[in-house]
Amino acid sequence: MNDIKKRVAKAVKHFWAVRQKQAVNQGKNTGQRDAGLRTAVTGGKHLDGFISLCRELIVEAGLPEADVFWRSRLELPGYYRAEKSWDLLAVVDGQLLAVVEFKAQVGPSFGNNFNNRTEEALGNATDLWAAYREGAFKPSQRPWLGYLFLLEECPKSLTPVQVKQPHFGVFEEFHGVSYAKRYEILLTKLLRERLYDGTCLLLSTARGGLSGRFREPSEELSFSKFSASLIAHAMAFAQSRKE
């Protein structure tokens, strides 16, 4: 855990470097670019640095590397749908140990994307816990569910957003806050409502991110707390295997 900040910085740098490379390469290879910033995300892989880091932490906690999946065999049954492909799974001795989802958002459009991300985060957790309740992962004990989010720090994500209240008033905490603050509110509530066992919010500028710079707006949502919870869960399971 001593070098955790450096490892997160490396993942942040990887995220921005891959986005930049994909934006350049697509234009060269096809002669045309996808509309808007879709160019930079068409190829995927930009969050692999974070996925790899969490995978390494689980293995360092004492679990077999072969039981931590991140490139294939990522599907789990759902309750409201047949299956969902997650970003990282740990399945040890036939038991579901950990499930982690990684998301990011880069401008310029934050409004619709924020609502989409909110619905995804809520829906995915609700579906997983319903499936768990109905015995889809037997004989697993309650798995650890995590959600990590990287948001571009820029004027549009930091500018307060107006709320619309044609019939009823929105909750007070949403008045006069930016999309960055809305994500902080969302991830805090997801954590405190126990929909997720760990949530993490990282802010990074496009320019500073290429050097690995990032900011954590909330200590409660820091990567150190997120990873400490994941590691503790993995270590407890690893110890139980030895007994």
C-alpha atoms as a PDB file:
ATOM      1  CA  MET A   1       0.000   0.000   0.000  1.00  0.00           C
ATOM      2  CA  ASN A   2       3.001   2.351   0.374  1.00  0.00           C
ATOM      3  CA  ASP A   3       3.227   3.013  -3.356  1.00  0.00           C
ATOM      4  CA  ILE A   4      -0.497   3.102  -4.045  1.00  0.00           C
ATOM      5  CA  LYS A   5      -0.516   6.754  -5.148  1.00  0.00           C
ATOM      6  CA  LYS A   6       2.186   6.057  -7.716  1.00  0.00           C
ATOM      7  CA  ARG A   7       0.292   3.065  -9.036  1.00  0.00           C
ATOM      8  CA  VAL A   8      -2.912   5.082  -9.371  1.00  0.00           C
ATOM      9  CA  ALA A   9      -0.973   7.853 -11.131  1.00  0.00           C
ATOM     10  CA  LYS A  10       0.337   5.265 -13.588  1.00  0.00           C
ATOM     11  CA  ALA A  11      -3.223   4.120 -14.326  1.00  0.00           C
ATOM     12  CA  VAL A  12      -4.356   7.729 -14.819  1.00  0.00           C
ATOM     13  CA  LYS A  13      -1.467   8.342 -17.210  1.00  0.00           C
ATOM     14  CA  HIS A  14      -2.372   5.179 -19.131  1.00  0.00           C
ATOM     15  CA  PHE A  15      -5.994   6.322 -19.445  1.00  0.00           C
ATOM     16  CA  TRP A  16      -5.140   9.642 -21.058  1.00  0.00           C
ATOM     17  CA  ALA A  17      -2.316   8.250 -23.183  1.00  0.00           C
ATOM     18  CA  VAL A  18      -4.564   5.556 -24.689  1.00  0.00           C
ATOM     19  CA  ARG A  19      -7.306   8.091 -25.411  1.00  0.00           C
ATOM     20  CA  GLN A  20      -4.838  10.377 -27.132  1.00  0.00           C
ATOM     21  CA  LYS A  21      -3.300   7.552 -29.142  1.00  0.00           C
ATOM     22  CA  GLN A  22      -6.681   6.206 -30.273  1.00  0.00           C
ATOM     23  CA  ALA A  23      -7.849   9.633 -31.381  1.00  0.00           C
ATOM     24  CA  VAL A  24      -4.730  10.049 -33.524  1.00  0.00           C
ATOM     25  CA  ASN A  25      -4.628   6.500 -34.908  1.00  0.00           C
ATOM     26  CA  GLN A  26      -8.234   6.336 -35.969  1.00  0.00           C
ATOM     27  CA  GLY A  27      -7.859   9.442 -38.064  1.00  0.00           C
ATOM     28  CA  LYS A  28      -4.744   8.001 -39.735  1.00  0.00           C
ATOM     29  CA  ASN A  29      -6.157   4.534 -40.409  1.00  0.00           C
ATOM     30  CA  THR A  30      -9.596   5.430 -41.705  1.00  0.00           C
ATOM     31  CA  GLY A  31      -9.158   8.906 -43.027  1.00  0.00           C
ATOM     32  CA  GLN A  32     -12.175   9.976 -40.990  1.00  0.00           C
ATOM     33  CA  ARG A  33     -13.093  10.285 -37.351  1.00  0.00           C
ATOM     34  CA  ASP A  34     -16.153   9.324 -35.340  1.00  0.00           C
ATOM     35  CA  ALA A  35     -18.348  12.230 -34.406  1.00  0.00           C
ATOM     36  CA  GLY A  36     -17.120  14.236 -31.407  1.00  0.00           C
ATOM     37  CA  LEU A  37     -15.025  12.605 -28.694  1.00  0.00           C
ATOM     38  CA  ARG A  38     -16.312   9.162 -29.602  1.00  0.00           C
ATOM     39  CA  THR A  39     -13.079   8.860 -31.604  1.00  0.00           C
ATOM     40  CA  ALA A  40     -11.051   8.533 -28.435  1.00  0.00           C
ATOM     41  CA  VAL A  41     -13.124   5.768 -26.861  1.00  0.00           C
ATOM     42  CA  THR A  42     -14.017   3.571 -29.851  1.00  0.00           C
ATOM     43  CA  GLY A  43     -11.012   1.309 -29.279  1.00  0.00           C
ATOM     44  CA  GLY A  44     -11.608   0.724 -25.580  1.00  0.00           C
ATOM     45  CA  LYS A  45      -8.768  -0.352 -23.246  1.00  0.00           C
ATOM     46  CA  HIS A  46      -8.423   3.125 -21.716  1.00  0.00           C
ATOM     47  CA  LEU A  47      -9.378   1.865 -18.234  1.00  0.00           C
ATOM     48  CA  ASP A  48      -7.142  -1.192 -18.351  1.00  0.00           C
ATOM     49  CA  GLY A  49      -4.608   0.459 -16.050  1.00  0.00           C
ATOM     50  CA  PHE A  50      -7.153   0.616 -13.222  1.00  0.00           C
ATOM     51  CA  ILE A  51      -8.469  -2.878 -13.898  1.00  0.00           C
ATOM     52  CA  SER A  52      -4.933  -4.274 -13.881  1.00  0.00           C
ATOM     53  CA  LEU A  53      -4.115  -2.438 -10.647  1.00  0.00           C
ATOM     54  CA  CYS A  54      -7.130  -3.853  -8.806  1.00  0.00           C
ATOM     55  CA  ARG A  55      -6.339  -7.295 -10.159  1.00  0.00           C
ATOM     56  CA  GLU A  56      -2.786  -7.009  -8.822  1.00  0.00           C
ATOM     57  CA  LEU A  57      -4.049  -5.934  -5.400  1.00  0.00           C
ATOM     58  CA  ILE A  58      -6.338  -8.963  -5.166  1.00  0.00           C
ATOM     59  CA  VAL A  59      -3.478 -11.290  -6.097  1.00  0.00           C
ATOM     60  CA  GLU A  60      -1.116  -9.574  -3.641  1.00  0.00           C
ATOM     61  CA  ALA A  61      -3.745 -10.190  -0.948  1.00  0.00           C
ATOM     62  CA  GLY A  62      -3.164 -13.909  -1.405  1.00  0.00           C
ATOM     63  CA  LEU A  63      -5.598 -15.123  -4.050  1.00  0.00           C
ATOM     64  CA  PRO A  64      -4.631 -17.136  -7.150  1.00  0.00           C
ATOM     65  CA  GLU A  65      -3.938 -15.037 -10.232  1.00  0.00           C
ATOM     66  CA  ALA A  66      -5.820 -17.539 -12.382  1.00  0.00           C
ATOM     67  CA  ASP A  67      -9.004 -16.869 -10.405  1.00  0.00           C
ATOM     68  CA  VAL A  68      -9.100 -13.131 -11.137  1.00  0.00           C
ATOM     69  CA  PHE A  69     -10.703 -12.449 -14.506  1.00  0.00           C
ATOM     70  CA  TRP A  70     -10.415  -9.234 -16.513  1.00  0.00           C
ATOM     71  CA  ARG A  71     -10.153 -10.063 -20.213  1.00  0.00           C
ATOM     72  CA  SER A  72     -12.614 -12.931 -20.628  1.00  0.00           C
ATOM     73  CA  ARG A  73     -15.130 -15.062 -18.717  1.00  0.00           C
ATOM     74  CA  LEU A  74     -16.597 -11.925 -17.161  1.00  0.00           C
ATOM     75  CA  GLU A  75     -20.296 -12.802 -17.367  1.00  0.00           C
ATOM     76  CA  LEU A  76     -22.484 -13.224 -14.290  1.00  0.00           C
ATOM     77  CA  PRO A  77     -26.178 -14.122 -14.203  1.00  0.00           C
ATOM     78  CA  GLY A  78     -28.606 -11.346 -13.393  1.00  0.00           C
ATOM     79  CA  TYR A  79     -32.079 -11.348 -11.908  1.00  0.00           C
ATOM     80  CA  TYR A  80     -33.752  -8.913 -14.286  1.00  0.00           C
ATOM     81  CA  ARG A  81     -31.661 -10.044 -17.272  1.00  0.00           C
ATOM     82  CA  ALA A  82     -29.949 -13.254 -18.245  1.00  0.00           C
ATOM     83  CA  GLU A  83     -26.394 -12.026 -17.756  1.00  0.00           C
ATOM     84  CA  LYS A  84     -24.060  -9.058 -17.547  1.00  0.00           C
ATOM     85  CA  SER A  85     -20.391  -8.773 -18.457  1.00  0.00           C
ATOM     86  CA  TRP A  86     -18.460  -7.024 -15.681  1.00  0.00           C
ATOM     87  CA  ASP A  87     -14.976  -5.474 -15.830  1.00  0.00           C
ATOM     88  CA  LEU A  88     -13.260  -7.525 -13.111  1.00  0.00           C
ATOM     89  CA  LEU A  89     -14.276 -10.705 -11.304  1.00  0.00           C
ATOM     90  CA  ALA A  90     -12.662 -12.850  -8.638  1.00  0.00           C
ATOM     91  CA  VAL A  91     -14.117 -16.356  -8.519  1.00  0.00           C
ATOM     92  CA  VAL A  92     -12.181 -18.635  -6.165  1.00  0.00           C
ATOM     93  CA  ASP A  93     -13.043 -22.263  -5.396  1.00  0.00           C
ATOM     94  CA  GLY A  94     -16.372 -21.804  -7.143  1.00  0.00           C
ATOM     95  CA  GLN A  95     -17.287 -18.815  -4.978  1.00  0.00           C
ATOM     96  CA  LEU A  96     -17.853 -15.262  -6.204  1.00  0.00           C
ATOM     97  CA  LEU A  97     -15.486 -13.138  -4.151  1.00  0.00           C
ATOM     98  CA  ALA A  98     -15.393  -9.710  -5.820  1.00  0.00           C
ATOM     99  CA  VAL A  99     -17.000  -7.780  -8.674  1.00  0.00           C
ATOM    100  CA  VAL A 100     -15.701  -4.401  -9.839  1.00  0.00           C
ATOM    101  CA  GLU A 101     -16.958  -1.963 -12.464  1.00  0.00           C
ATOM    102  CA  PHE A 102     -14.824   0.837 -13.942  1.00  0.00           C
ATOM    103  CA  LYS A 103     -16.243   3.880 -15.719  1.00  0.00           C
ATOM    104  CA  ALA A 104     -15.023   7.255 -16.959  1.00  0.00           C
ATOM    105  CA  GLN A 105     -16.471  10.397 -18.464  1.00  0.00           C
ATOM    106  CA  VAL A 106     -14.756  13.043 -20.537  1.00  0.00           C
ATOM    107  CA  GLY A 107     -16.399  16.223 -21.846  1.00  0.00           C
ATOM    108  CA  PRO A 108     -17.816  18.156 -23.459  1.00  0.00           C
ATOM    109  CA  SER A 109     -21.251  16.554 -22.853  1.00  0.00           C
ATOM    110  CA  PHE A 110     -21.819  15.821 -19.172  1.00  0.00           C
ATOM    111  CA  GLY A 111     -25.598  16.158 -18.754  1.00  0.00           C
ATOM    112  CA  ASN A 112     -27.087  13.130 -20.515  1.00  0.00           C
ATOM    113  CA  ASN A 113     -24.022  11.033 -19.753  1.00  0.00           C
ATOM    114  CA  PHE A 114     -24.356  11.716 -16.034  1.00  0.00           C
ATOM    115  CA  ASN A 115     -27.937  10.460 -16.031  1.00  0.00           C
ATOM    116  CA  ASN A 116     -26.931   7.379 -18.041  1.00  0.00           C
ATOM    117  CA  ARG A 117     -24.092   6.574 -15.649  1.00  0.00           C
ATOM    118  CA  THR A 118     -26.411   7.021 -12.672  1.00  0.00           C
ATOM    119  CA  GLU A 119     -28.976   4.628 -14.113  1.00  0.00           C
ATOM    120  CA  GLU A 120     -26.273   2.077 -14.988  1.00  0.00           C
ATOM    121  CA  ALA A 121     -24.722   2.148 -11.526  1.00  0.00           C
ATOM    122  CA  LEU A 122     -28.061   1.771  -9.777  1.00  0.00           C
ATOM    123  CA  GLY A 123     -29.383  -0.853 -12.175  1.00  0.00           C
ATOM    124  CA  ASN A 124     -26.263  -3.010 -12.137  1.00  0.00           C
ATOM    125  CA  ALA A 125     -26.099  -3.117  -8.354  1.00  0.00           C
ATOM    126  CA  THR A 126     -29.816  -3.777  -7.965  1.00  0.00           C
ATOM    127  CA  ASP A 127     -29.637  -6.619 -10.492  1.00  0.00           C
ATOM    128  CA  LEU A 128     -26.576  -8.222  -8.881  1.00  0.00           C
ATOM    129  CA  TRP A 129     -27.953  -8.138  -5.337  1.00  0.00           C
ATOM    130  CA  ALA A 130     -31.308  -9.527  -6.457  1.00  0.00           C
ATOM    131  CA  ALA A 131     -29.503 -12.392  -8.204  1.00  0.00           C
ATOM    132  CA  TYR A 132     -27.443 -12.984  -5.059  1.00  0.00           C
ATOM    133  CA  ARG A 133     -30.578 -12.996  -2.907  1.00  0.00           C
ATOM    134  CA  GLU A 134     -32.128 -15.639  -5.170  1.00  0.00           C
ATOM    135  CA  GLY A 135     -29.084 -17.912  -4.891  1.00  0.00           C
ATOM    136  CA  ALA A 136     -27.514 -17.331  -8.315  1.00  0.00           C
ATOM    137  CA  PHE A 137     -23.984 -17.470  -6.869  1.00  0.00           C
ATOM    138  CA  LYS A 138     -24.331 -20.309  -4.350  1.00  0.00           C
ATOM    139  CA  PRO A 139     -22.370 -21.301  -2.316  1.00  0.00           C
ATOM    140  CA  SER A 140     -20.835 -17.793  -2.279  1.00  0.00           C
ATOM    141  CA  GLN A 141     -21.045 -15.537   0.728  1.00  0.00           C
ATOM    142  CA  ARG A 142     -21.890 -11.914  -0.002  1.00  0.00           C
ATOM    143  CA  PRO A 143     -19.393 -10.764  -2.673  1.00  0.00           C
ATOM    144  CA  TRP A 144     -17.566  -7.421  -2.567  1.00  0.00           C
ATOM    145  CA  LEU A 145     -18.965  -4.995  -5.161  1.00  0.00           C
ATOM    146  CA  GLY A 146     -16.936  -1.961  -6.218  1.00  0.00           C
ATOM    147  CA  TYR A 147     -17.321   1.003  -8.564  1.00  0.00           C
ATOM    148  CA  LEU A 148     -14.470   3.256  -9.686  1.00  0.00           C
ATOM    149  CA  PHE A 149     -15.098   6.430 -11.685  1.00  0.00           C
ATOM    150  CA  LEU A 150     -12.650   8.789 -13.406  1.00  0.00           C
ATOM    151  CA  LEU A 151     -14.032  12.191 -14.424  1.00  0.00           C
ATOM    152  CA  GLU A 152     -12.341  14.806 -16.552  1.00  0.00           C
ATOM    153  CA  GLU A 153     -11.726  17.921 -14.504  1.00  0.00           C
ATOM    154  CA  CYS A 154     -12.533  20.869 -16.740  1.00  0.00           C
ATOM    155  CA  PRO A 155     -14.655  24.062 -16.665  1.00  0.00           C
ATOM    156  CA  LYS A 156     -17.793  22.250 -17.847  1.00  0.00           C
ATOM    157  CA  SER A 157     -17.554  19.551 -15.182  1.00  0.00           C
ATOM    158  CA  LEU A 158     -16.816  22.111 -12.442  1.00  0.00           C
ATOM    159  CA  THR A 159     -19.438  24.736 -13.344  1.00  0.00           C
ATOM    160  CA  PRO A 160     -22.650  24.740 -11.244  1.00  0.00           C
ATOM    161  CA  VAL A 161     -25.637  23.265 -13.096  1.00  0.00           C
ATOM    162  CA  GLN A 162     -29.169  24.568 -12.921  1.00  0.00           C
ATOM    163  CA  VAL A 163     -31.884  22.187 -11.776  1.00  0.00           C
ATOM    164  CA  LYS A 164     -35.365  21.914 -13.263  1.00  0.00           C
ATOM    165  CA  GLN A 165     -38.297  21.772 -10.848  1.00  0.00           C
ATOM    166  CA  PRO A 166     -41.540  22.126 -12.812  1.00  0.00           C
ATOM    167  CA  HIS A 167     -43.600  20.158 -10.267  1.00  0.00           C
ATOM    168  CA  PHE A 168     -41.566  19.244  -7.195  1.00  0.00           C
ATOM    169  CA  GLY A 169     -38.347  20.486  -5.677  1.00  0.00           C
ATOM    170  CA  VAL A 170     -35.093  18.538  -5.970  1.00  0.00           C
ATOM    171  CA  PHE A 171     -33.166  17.652  -2.825  1.00  0.00           C
ATOM    172  CA  GLU A 172     -31.204  20.524  -1.353  1.00  0.00           C
ATOM    173  CA  GLU A 173     -27.770  18.983  -1.957  1.00  0.00           C
ATOM    174  CA  PHE A 174     -28.273  19.230  -5.728  1.00  0.00           C
ATOM    175  CA  HIS A 175     -28.805  22.988  -5.771  1.00  0.00           C
ATOM    176  CA  GLY A 176     -25.969  25.024  -7.279  1.00  0.00           C
ATOM    177  CA  VAL A 177     -23.507  22.176  -7.710  1.00  0.00           C
ATOM    178  CA  SER A 178     -21.428  21.008 -10.660  1.00  0.00           C
ATOM    179  CA  TYR A 179     -21.440  17.628 -12.387  1.00  0.00           C
ATOM    180  CA  ALA A 180     -18.252  16.803 -10.505  1.00  0.00           C
ATOM    181  CA  LYS A 181     -20.092  17.415  -7.242  1.00  0.00           C
ATOM    182  CA  ARG A 182     -23.089  15.425  -8.492  1.00  0.00           C
ATOM    183  CA  TYR A 183     -20.804  12.441  -9.076  1.00  0.00           C
ATOM    184  CA  GLU A 184     -19.412  12.857  -5.586  1.00  0.00           C
ATOM    185  CA  ILE A 185     -22.954  12.880  -4.172  1.00  0.00           C
ATOM    186  CA  LEU A 186     -23.907   9.845  -6.271  1.00  0.00           C
ATOM    187  CA  LEU A 187     -20.915   7.715  -5.270  1.00  0.00           C
ATOM    188  CA  THR A 188     -21.237   8.700  -1.617  1.00  0.00           C
ATOM    189  CA  LYS A 189     -24.895   7.675  -1.563  1.00  0.00           C
ATOM    190  CA  LEU A 190     -24.181   4.411  -3.401  1.00  0.00           C
ATOM    191  CA  LEU A 191     -21.617   3.600  -0.720  1.00  0.00           C
ATOM    192  CA  ARG A 192     -23.675   4.652   2.303  1.00  0.00           C
ATOM    193  CA  GLU A 193     -26.777   2.856   1.038  1.00  0.00           C
ATOM    194  CA  ARG A 194     -24.625  -0.300   0.757  1.00  0.00           C
ATOM    195  CA  LEU A 195     -25.404  -0.727  -2.916  1.00  0.00           C
ATOM    196  CA  TYR A 196     -21.629  -0.904  -3.347  1.00  0.00           C
ATOM    197  CA  ASP A 197     -19.008  -1.962  -0.820  1.00  0.00           C
ATOM    198  CA  GLY A 198     -16.453   0.433  -2.259  1.00  0.00           C
ATOM    199  CA  THR A 199     -16.729   3.490  -4.499  1.00  0.00           C
ATOM    200  CA  CYS A 200     -13.946   5.711  -5.784  1.00  0.00           C
ATOM    201  CA  LEU A 201     -13.994   9.083  -7.556  1.00  0.00           C
ATOM    202  CA  LEU A 202     -10.926  10.494  -9.282  1.00  0.00           C
ATOM    203  CA  LEU A 203     -10.712  13.838 -11.097  1.00  0.00           C
ATOM    204  CA  SER A 204      -8.037  14.494 -13.696  1.00  0.00           C
ATOM    205  CA  THR A 205      -7.422  17.129 -16.351  1.00  0.00           C
ATOM    206  CA  ALA A 206      -6.585  16.018 -19.881  1.00  0.00           C
ATOM    207  CA  ARG A 207      -3.251  17.791 -19.757  1.00  0.00           C
ATOM    208  CA  GLY A 208      -2.214  16.905 -16.235  1.00  0.00           C
ATOM    209  CA  GLY A 209      -3.466  13.354 -16.646  1.00  0.00           C
ATOM    210  CA  LEU A 210      -0.820  12.642 -19.271  1.00  0.00           C
ATOM    211  CA  SER A 211       1.693  13.111 -16.466  1.00  0.00           C
ATOM    212  CA  GLY A 212      -0.358  10.978 -14.086  1.00  0.00           C
ATOM    213  CA  ARG A 213      -1.801  13.844 -12.064  1.00  0.00           C
ATOM    214  CA  PHE A 214      -5.201  13.396 -10.446  1.00  0.00           C
ATOM    215  CA  ARG A 215      -7.286  14.711  -7.570  1.00  0.00           C
ATOM    216  CA  GLU A 216      -9.543  12.993  -5.025  1.00  0.00           C
ATOM    217  CA  PRO A 217     -12.357  15.400  -4.033  1.00  0.00           C
ATOM    218  CA  SER A 218     -13.567  13.210  -1.172  1.00  0.00           C
ATOM    219  CA  GLU A 219     -11.511  11.242   1.330  1.00  0.00           C
ATOM    220  CA  GLU A 220     -14.427   8.833   1.709  1.00  0.00           C
ATOM    221  CA  LEU A 221     -14.204   8.086  -2.024  1.00  0.00           C
ATOM    222  CA  SER A 222     -10.405   7.932  -2.219  1.00  0.00           C
ATOM    223  CA  PHE A 223      -8.635   5.054  -3.900  1.00  0.00           C
ATOM    224  CA  SER A 224      -6.812   4.220  -0.673  1.00  0.00           C
ATOM    225  CA  LYS A 225     -10.101   3.566   1.150  1.00  0.00           C
ATOM    226  CA  PHE A 226     -11.553   1.780  -1.893  1.00  0.00           C
ATOM    227  CA  SER A 227      -8.538  -0.520  -2.230  1.00  0.00           C
ATOM    228  CA  ALA A 228      -8.190  -1.088   1.518  1.00  0.00           C
ATOM    229  CA  SER A 229     -11.744  -2.440   1.637  1.00  0.00           C
ATOM    230  CA  LEU A 230     -11.149  -4.680  -1.380  1.00  0.00           C
ATOM    231  CA  ILE A 231      -7.823  -5.957  -0.028  1.00  0.00           C
ATOM    232  CA  ALA A 232      -9.295  -6.698   3.411  1.00  0.00           C
ATOM    233  CA  HIS A 233     -12.091  -8.717   1.819  1.00  0.00           C
ATOM    234  CA  ALA A 234      -9.636 -10.664  -0.342  1.00  0.00           C
ATOM    235  CA  MET A 235      -7.236 -11.295   2.561  1.00  0.00           C
ATOM    236  CA  ALA A 236     -10.023 -12.586   4.785  1.00  0.00           C
ATOM    237  CA  PHE A 237     -11.066 -15.044   2.104  1.00  0.00           C
ATOM    238  CA  ALA A 238      -7.446 -16.097   1.455  1.00  0.00           C
ATOM    239  CA  GLN A 239      -6.969 -16.750   5.177  1.00  0.00           C
ATOM    240  CA  SER A 240     -10.155 -18.820   5.351  1.00  0.00           C
ATOM    241  CA  ARG A 241      -8.801 -21.082   2.603  1.00  0.00           C
ATOM    242  CA  LYS A 242      -5.784 -21.912   4.748  1.00  0.00           C
ATOM    243  CA  GLU A 243      -7.785 -22.848   7.833  1.00  0.00           C
END
